[in-house]
Amino acid sequence: MRADRLVSLVLLLRQHGRLSATALARELEVSTRTVLRDIESLSAAGVKVYAERGRNGGFALLPGFQTELTGLNHDEALALLVAGSRRGAQTFGLGTALASAMRKVVDALPESYRVTAAGAAQRLLVDPETDLLARRQVAEEIPDVVVAEVRRAVFAGHKLRIHYAAVGQAATWRTVDPIGLVTVRGQGYLLATRSGADRTYRLSRVEAAEELDEPAQRPDRVDLDRAWQERSARFRTGGDQVAVLVRMNPARRQELVGTALAVLAEETEADGRLRLEVTFQDPRHAEWALWQLGTDAEALAPQWLRASLRDRAAAIAARYGASSG
């Protein structure tokens, strides 16, 4: 929008002091002719921009010119408020200063943005202390159209239809009541309820999304940090999860932790091999993961897993040891 561009032009001049029309056009991704028209518009609106000619000339604001934050659009204001929720400021002792700065941002917003931006920021949690997975993962690529539709439903408090593919299953449509969005180590999650039961959906597995007009059944306020901790605890202790002690070639470590639910302990032995304690969703998952690593990994415990892998290897050896047809 042109109004956003005019604000950006003023902020660029405030930051750099003096810029040529060519430099401004490059920063704003417009033509120099557009920059000249915008400067004329700013002057007509009372923003005193003057030109300095010569080799090092350009456009600049009169000394002492002040700007306000009312030029922020809704998404820009939301980005600042979400950034203000990060724990980094507390870690570096800047929590009080950051809180004060965020109040000033909200106060400077137009009334139409103030309530919605502050309320929307409450629905986002970035990098909480508790993680569903104990390993670092590569950031996921999620289509913008999917994220935008999910985000709109979360902020508006509307029901959401998602075409979701659970692990090992074909994608199906389901209608959920969205509660909030959580980002953990580059992974995005939608916290929601479905028929009153808690559900957590990996955004990268949402193939399509549609915001509905029907209001979502959810509380007016939410503590996402607490909700995430509770769901993480249930995830870690639920089902038939098994812990496995493994000795392995360090070159294959990433393959193992890439499929395990969590790494509980890890140490390097004298010969350079790794000893890890990892958890899997169930016995079948554990057997599959260790089998993929072949002789580069040895399950030390539990005994039933060692026996299962031994029997499987023996069956393969017997099959290929027999003479062909």
Protein backbone atom coordinates (compact mmCIF):
# COMPACT_ATOMS: atom_id res chain seq x y z
CA MET A 1 0.00 0.00 0.00
CA ARG A 2 1.16 3.56 -0.75
CA ALA A 3 0.61 4.71 2.84
CA ASP A 4 2.94 1.97 4.12
CA ARG A 5 5.53 2.99 1.53
CA LEU A 6 5.40 6.64 2.59
CA VAL A 7 5.99 5.66 6.21
CA SER A 8 8.88 3.41 5.13
CA LEU A 9 10.39 6.29 3.17
CA VAL A 10 10.31 8.57 6.21
CA LEU A 11 11.81 5.87 8.44
CA LEU A 12 14.61 5.25 5.92
CA LEU A 13 15.48 8.95 5.93
CA ARG A 14 15.35 9.02 9.72
CA GLN A 15 17.71 6.04 9.91
CA HIS A 16 20.24 7.04 7.24
CA GLY A 17 20.04 10.84 7.39
CA ARG A 18 20.41 11.34 3.63
CA LEU A 19 19.69 9.02 0.71
CA SER A 20 19.62 9.51 -3.04
CA ALA A 21 16.49 8.85 -5.06
CA THR A 22 18.21 5.80 -6.55
CA ALA A 23 19.02 4.37 -3.11
CA LEU A 24 15.47 4.99 -1.89
CA ALA A 25 14.04 3.34 -4.99
CA ARG A 26 16.24 0.30 -4.39
CA GLU A 27 15.20 0.01 -0.73
CA LEU A 28 11.49 0.46 -1.50
CA GLU A 29 11.59 -1.66 -4.68
CA VAL A 30 9.97 1.04 -6.81
CA SER A 31 11.13 3.38 -9.58
CA THR A 32 12.94 6.66 -8.94
CA ARG A 33 9.96 8.46 -10.49
CA THR A 34 7.71 6.91 -7.82
CA VAL A 35 10.14 8.05 -5.11
CA LEU A 36 10.03 11.63 -6.42
CA ARG A 37 6.22 11.59 -6.44
CA ASP A 38 6.18 10.21 -2.88
CA ILE A 39 8.52 12.96 -1.68
CA GLU A 40 6.22 15.57 -3.23
CA SER A 41 3.28 13.98 -1.40
CA LEU A 42 5.14 14.03 1.91
CA SER A 43 6.02 17.70 1.48
CA ALA A 44 2.40 18.54 0.67
CA ALA A 45 1.34 16.68 3.86
CA GLY A 46 3.70 18.78 6.01
CA VAL A 47 6.64 16.37 6.24
CA LYS A 48 9.59 18.62 5.42
CA VAL A 49 11.87 16.78 3.02
CA TYR A 50 14.61 18.81 1.35
CA ALA A 51 17.03 18.00 -1.45
CA GLU A 52 20.77 18.49 -1.38
CA ARG A 53 22.40 18.66 -4.75
CA GLY A 54 25.87 17.54 -5.70
CA ARG A 55 27.88 14.34 -5.81
CA ASN A 56 26.98 13.33 -2.25
CA GLY A 57 23.55 14.87 -2.30
CA GLY A 58 20.16 13.31 -1.82
CA PHE A 59 17.01 13.74 0.20
CA ALA A 60 16.85 14.34 3.95
CA LEU A 61 14.43 15.39 6.67
CA LEU A 62 14.72 18.67 8.51
CA PRO A 63 16.64 18.22 11.80
CA GLY A 64 14.45 17.37 14.76
CA PHE A 65 11.68 15.74 12.74
CA GLN A 66 9.83 13.14 14.84
CA THR A 67 7.75 10.18 13.71
CA GLU A 68 5.09 8.12 15.47
CA LEU A 69 4.33 4.44 15.27
CA THR A 70 0.86 4.94 13.82
CA GLY A 71 2.23 3.94 10.39
CA LEU A 72 2.53 0.32 11.52
CA ASN A 73 0.12 -2.03 9.81
CA HIS A 74 -1.54 -4.85 11.76
CA ASP A 75 0.97 -7.58 10.88
CA GLU A 76 3.95 -5.33 11.66
CA ALA A 77 2.52 -4.46 15.06
CA LEU A 78 1.77 -8.14 15.71
CA ALA A 79 5.35 -9.10 14.80
CA LEU A 80 6.66 -6.62 17.41
CA LEU A 81 4.31 -7.89 20.09
CA VAL A 82 5.21 -11.52 19.41
CA ALA A 83 8.91 -10.65 19.49
CA GLY A 84 8.26 -9.06 22.88
CA SER A 85 7.01 -12.40 24.22
CA ARG A 86 10.39 -14.11 23.66
CA ARG A 87 12.31 -15.23 26.75
CA GLY A 88 15.57 -13.80 25.44
CA ALA A 89 14.93 -10.38 26.99
CA GLN A 90 14.46 -11.96 30.42
CA THR A 91 17.68 -13.92 29.98
CA PHE A 92 19.66 -10.76 29.28
CA GLY A 93 17.99 -8.73 32.01
CA LEU A 94 15.93 -6.59 29.62
CA GLY A 95 12.49 -7.85 30.61
CA THR A 96 11.35 -4.59 32.25
CA ALA A 97 12.63 -2.41 29.41
CA LEU A 98 11.05 -4.67 26.80
CA ALA A 99 7.68 -4.65 28.58
CA SER A 100 7.78 -0.85 28.67
CA ALA A 101 8.65 -0.70 24.97
CA MET A 102 5.78 -3.04 24.07
CA ARG A 103 3.33 -0.87 26.01
CA LYS A 104 4.47 2.13 23.98
CA VAL A 105 4.00 0.20 20.76
CA VAL A 106 0.44 -0.74 21.70
CA ASP A 107 -0.36 2.79 22.90
CA ALA A 108 0.86 4.30 19.61
CA LEU A 109 -1.32 2.03 17.47
CA PRO A 110 -4.64 3.19 16.03
CA GLU A 111 -7.59 2.03 18.14
CA SER A 112 -8.70 -0.41 15.42
CA TYR A 113 -5.34 -2.24 15.63
CA ARG A 114 -4.71 -1.96 19.35
CA VAL A 115 -7.20 -4.50 20.68
CA THR A 116 -6.84 -7.05 17.86
CA ALA A 117 -3.04 -6.99 17.80
CA ALA A 118 -2.70 -7.39 21.57
CA GLY A 119 -5.28 -10.18 21.61
CA ALA A 120 -3.66 -11.96 18.67
CA ALA A 121 -0.22 -11.87 20.31
CA GLN A 122 -1.70 -13.79 23.27
CA ARG A 123 -2.53 -16.62 20.86
CA LEU A 124 1.10 -17.20 19.80
CA LEU A 125 3.89 -18.92 21.74
CA VAL A 126 7.42 -18.94 20.30
CA ASP A 127 10.06 -21.41 21.52
CA PRO A 128 8.65 -22.46 24.91
CA GLU A 129 10.92 -24.14 27.44
CA THR A 130 9.13 -27.47 27.06
CA ASP A 131 9.52 -29.29 23.74
CA LEU A 132 7.66 -32.33 22.45
CA LEU A 133 10.94 -33.60 21.01
CA ALA A 134 14.30 -33.44 22.75
CA ARG A 135 16.26 -32.97 19.53
CA ARG A 136 16.81 -29.95 17.27
CA GLN A 137 15.13 -30.20 13.91
CA VAL A 138 15.39 -28.44 10.57
CA ALA A 139 12.86 -25.64 10.07
CA GLU A 140 9.83 -26.75 8.06
CA GLU A 141 8.53 -25.16 4.88
CA ILE A 142 4.78 -24.59 5.22
CA PRO A 143 2.74 -23.02 2.39
CA ASP A 144 1.86 -19.40 3.18
CA VAL A 145 -1.77 -19.92 2.17
CA VAL A 146 -2.15 -22.71 4.76
CA VAL A 147 -0.50 -20.76 7.57
CA ALA A 148 -2.52 -17.63 6.75
CA GLU A 149 -5.83 -19.51 6.88
CA VAL A 150 -4.95 -21.25 10.15
CA ARG A 151 -3.77 -17.98 11.67
CA ARG A 152 -6.96 -16.16 10.68
CA ALA A 153 -9.10 -18.82 12.33
CA VAL A 154 -6.99 -18.74 15.51
CA PHE A 155 -7.15 -14.95 15.81
CA ALA A 156 -10.82 -14.64 14.83
CA GLY A 157 -11.91 -17.45 17.15
CA HIS A 158 -13.59 -19.41 14.36
CA LYS A 159 -13.76 -23.14 13.73
CA LEU A 160 -11.23 -24.50 11.25
CA ARG A 161 -11.35 -27.29 8.68
CA ILE A 162 -7.98 -28.88 7.97
CA HIS A 163 -6.92 -31.55 5.49
CA TYR A 164 -4.47 -33.32 7.78
CA ALA A 165 -2.18 -36.28 7.14
CA ALA A 166 -1.27 -38.08 10.35
CA VAL A 167 1.89 -40.21 10.36
CA GLY A 168 1.47 -43.22 8.10
CA GLN A 169 -2.10 -42.27 7.14
CA ALA A 170 -3.79 -40.63 4.17
CA ALA A 171 -4.95 -37.04 4.67
CA THR A 172 -8.56 -36.56 5.82
CA TRP A 173 -10.71 -33.51 6.53
CA ARG A 174 -11.49 -32.71 10.14
CA THR A 175 -13.09 -29.72 11.87
CA VAL A 176 -11.36 -28.38 14.97
CA ASP A 177 -11.63 -25.54 17.48
CA PRO A 178 -8.25 -23.73 17.28
CA ILE A 179 -6.70 -22.50 20.52
CA GLY A 180 -3.28 -21.19 19.52
CA LEU A 181 -0.10 -21.63 17.51
CA VAL A 182 3.25 -22.76 18.90
CA THR A 183 6.66 -22.67 17.20
CA VAL A 184 9.38 -24.93 18.61
CA ARG A 185 12.84 -25.07 17.02
CA GLY A 186 11.48 -24.28 13.59
CA GLN A 187 8.50 -26.65 13.91
CA GLY A 188 4.98 -25.22 13.91
CA TYR A 189 2.06 -26.73 15.84
CA LEU A 190 -1.64 -25.94 16.06
CA LEU A 191 -3.15 -26.48 19.50
CA ALA A 192 -6.85 -27.22 19.19
CA THR A 193 -9.72 -29.29 20.50
CA ARG A 194 -11.86 -31.71 18.53
CA SER A 195 -15.18 -32.82 19.97
CA GLY A 196 -13.94 -31.46 23.29
CA ALA A 197 -10.68 -33.50 23.32
CA ASP A 198 -7.23 -31.88 23.19
CA ARG A 199 -5.46 -32.21 19.86
CA THR A 200 -2.04 -31.05 18.65
CA TYR A 201 -1.44 -30.86 14.89
CA ARG A 202 1.91 -30.48 13.10
CA LEU A 203 1.46 -27.59 10.64
CA SER A 204 3.70 -29.23 8.05
CA ARG A 205 1.14 -32.05 7.83
CA VAL A 206 -1.76 -29.70 7.12
CA GLU A 207 -2.24 -29.92 3.36
CA ALA A 208 -5.12 -27.42 3.20
CA ALA A 209 -7.09 -25.28 5.63
CA GLU A 210 -10.38 -23.40 5.61
CA GLU A 211 -11.61 -20.89 8.19
CA LEU A 212 -15.31 -21.37 8.96
CA ASP A 213 -17.82 -18.71 10.02
CA GLU A 214 -18.92 -20.69 13.07
CA PRO A 215 -17.41 -19.52 16.40
CA ALA A 216 -14.89 -21.88 17.98
CA GLN A 217 -15.70 -23.51 21.31
CA ARG A 218 -12.79 -22.27 23.43
CA PRO A 219 -12.09 -20.08 26.48
CA ASP A 220 -11.71 -16.33 25.98
CA ARG A 221 -8.23 -16.37 27.49
CA VAL A 222 -5.51 -18.99 27.23
CA ASP A 223 -2.14 -19.70 28.85
CA LEU A 224 -0.36 -21.29 25.89
CA ASP A 225 2.82 -21.97 27.81
CA ARG A 226 0.96 -24.02 30.41
CA ALA A 227 -1.15 -25.78 27.76
CA TRP A 228 1.98 -26.73 25.85
CA GLN A 229 3.70 -28.09 28.96
CA GLU A 230 0.66 -30.22 29.83
CA ARG A 231 0.40 -31.67 26.33
CA SER A 232 4.14 -32.30 26.18
CA ALA A 233 3.97 -34.23 29.45
CA ARG A 234 1.10 -36.38 28.16
CA PHE A 235 2.96 -36.99 24.91
CA ARG A 236 6.12 -38.16 26.65
CA THR A 237 4.37 -40.54 29.04
CA GLY A 238 1.49 -41.79 26.90
CA GLY A 239 1.11 -44.92 24.80
CA ASP A 240 3.44 -47.91 24.84
CA GLN A 241 6.70 -45.96 24.61
CA VAL A 242 9.91 -47.90 25.17
CA ALA A 243 13.40 -46.81 26.22
CA VAL A 244 16.33 -48.38 24.38
CA LEU A 245 20.05 -48.37 25.20
CA VAL A 246 22.12 -48.28 22.00
CA ARG A 247 25.84 -48.44 21.16
CA MET A 248 26.50 -47.09 17.68
CA ASN A 249 28.74 -45.58 15.04
CA PRO A 250 28.66 -41.78 15.56
CA ALA A 251 28.39 -41.28 11.80
CA ARG A 252 24.84 -42.72 11.95
CA ARG A 253 23.72 -40.74 15.01
CA GLN A 254 21.51 -38.31 13.11
CA GLU A 255 19.57 -41.16 11.53
CA LEU A 256 18.76 -42.59 14.94
CA VAL A 257 17.79 -39.36 16.70
CA GLY A 258 15.88 -38.32 13.60
CA THR A 259 13.36 -41.09 14.19
CA ALA A 260 13.48 -41.42 18.00
CA LEU A 261 11.02 -39.50 20.17
CA ALA A 262 13.66 -38.24 22.56
CA VAL A 263 17.29 -38.64 23.59
CA LEU A 264 17.42 -39.26 27.35
CA ALA A 265 21.19 -39.69 27.75
CA GLU A 266 24.31 -39.71 25.59
CA GLU A 267 28.02 -40.36 26.11
CA THR A 268 31.09 -41.17 24.03
CA GLU A 269 32.90 -44.41 24.85
CA ALA A 270 36.69 -44.88 24.84
CA ASP A 271 36.67 -46.39 21.34
CA GLY A 272 34.77 -43.38 19.94
CA ARG A 273 31.42 -45.11 19.60
CA LEU A 274 28.34 -43.49 21.11
CA ARG A 275 26.13 -44.88 23.84
CA LEU A 276 22.65 -43.38 23.81
CA GLU A 277 19.42 -43.93 25.68
CA VAL A 278 16.51 -43.07 23.41
CA THR A 279 12.75 -43.56 23.44
CA PHE A 280 10.47 -44.85 20.70
CA GLN A 281 6.72 -44.75 20.31
CA ASP A 282 6.28 -48.52 20.70
CA PRO A 283 8.21 -51.83 20.32
CA ARG A 284 7.55 -52.00 16.58
CA HIS A 285 8.97 -48.48 16.11
CA ALA A 286 12.10 -49.39 18.11
CA GLU A 287 12.74 -52.58 16.12
CA TRP A 288 12.27 -50.80 12.80
CA ALA A 289 14.64 -47.93 13.74
CA LEU A 290 17.46 -50.24 14.89
CA TRP A 291 17.07 -52.56 11.91
CA GLN A 292 17.65 -49.62 9.52
CA LEU A 293 21.10 -49.05 11.03
CA GLY A 294 22.32 -52.58 10.41
CA THR A 295 25.69 -53.41 12.01
CA ASP A 296 26.38 -49.72 12.77
CA ALA A 297 24.19 -49.95 15.87
CA GLU A 298 23.68 -52.52 18.62
CA ALA A 299 20.70 -52.54 20.97
CA LEU A 300 22.12 -53.27 24.43
CA ALA A 301 18.75 -53.24 26.17
CA PRO A 302 15.98 -54.25 26.54
CA GLN A 303 16.65 -57.94 26.03
CA TRP A 304 13.43 -58.55 24.07
CA LEU A 305 14.61 -56.07 21.41
CA ARG A 306 17.97 -57.83 21.08
CA ALA A 307 16.17 -61.15 20.68
CA SER A 308 13.77 -59.74 18.13
CA LEU A 309 16.56 -58.25 16.01
CA ARG A 310 18.56 -61.52 16.28
CA ASP A 311 15.60 -63.61 15.12
CA ARG A 312 14.92 -61.24 12.26
CA ALA A 313 18.54 -61.37 11.12
CA ALA A 314 18.57 -65.17 11.41
CA ALA A 315 15.48 -65.44 9.23
CA ILE A 316 17.04 -63.24 6.57
CA ALA A 317 20.30 -65.26 6.70
CA ALA A 318 18.37 -68.50 6.37
CA ARG A 319 16.41 -67.22 3.41
CA TYR A 320 19.49 -66.14 1.49
CA GLY A 321 21.57 -69.08 2.67
CA ALA A 322 19.26 -71.56 0.97
CA SER A 323 20.03 -72.53 -2.65
CA SER A 324 18.00 -70.59 -5.20
CA GLY A 325 15.02 -72.29 -6.98
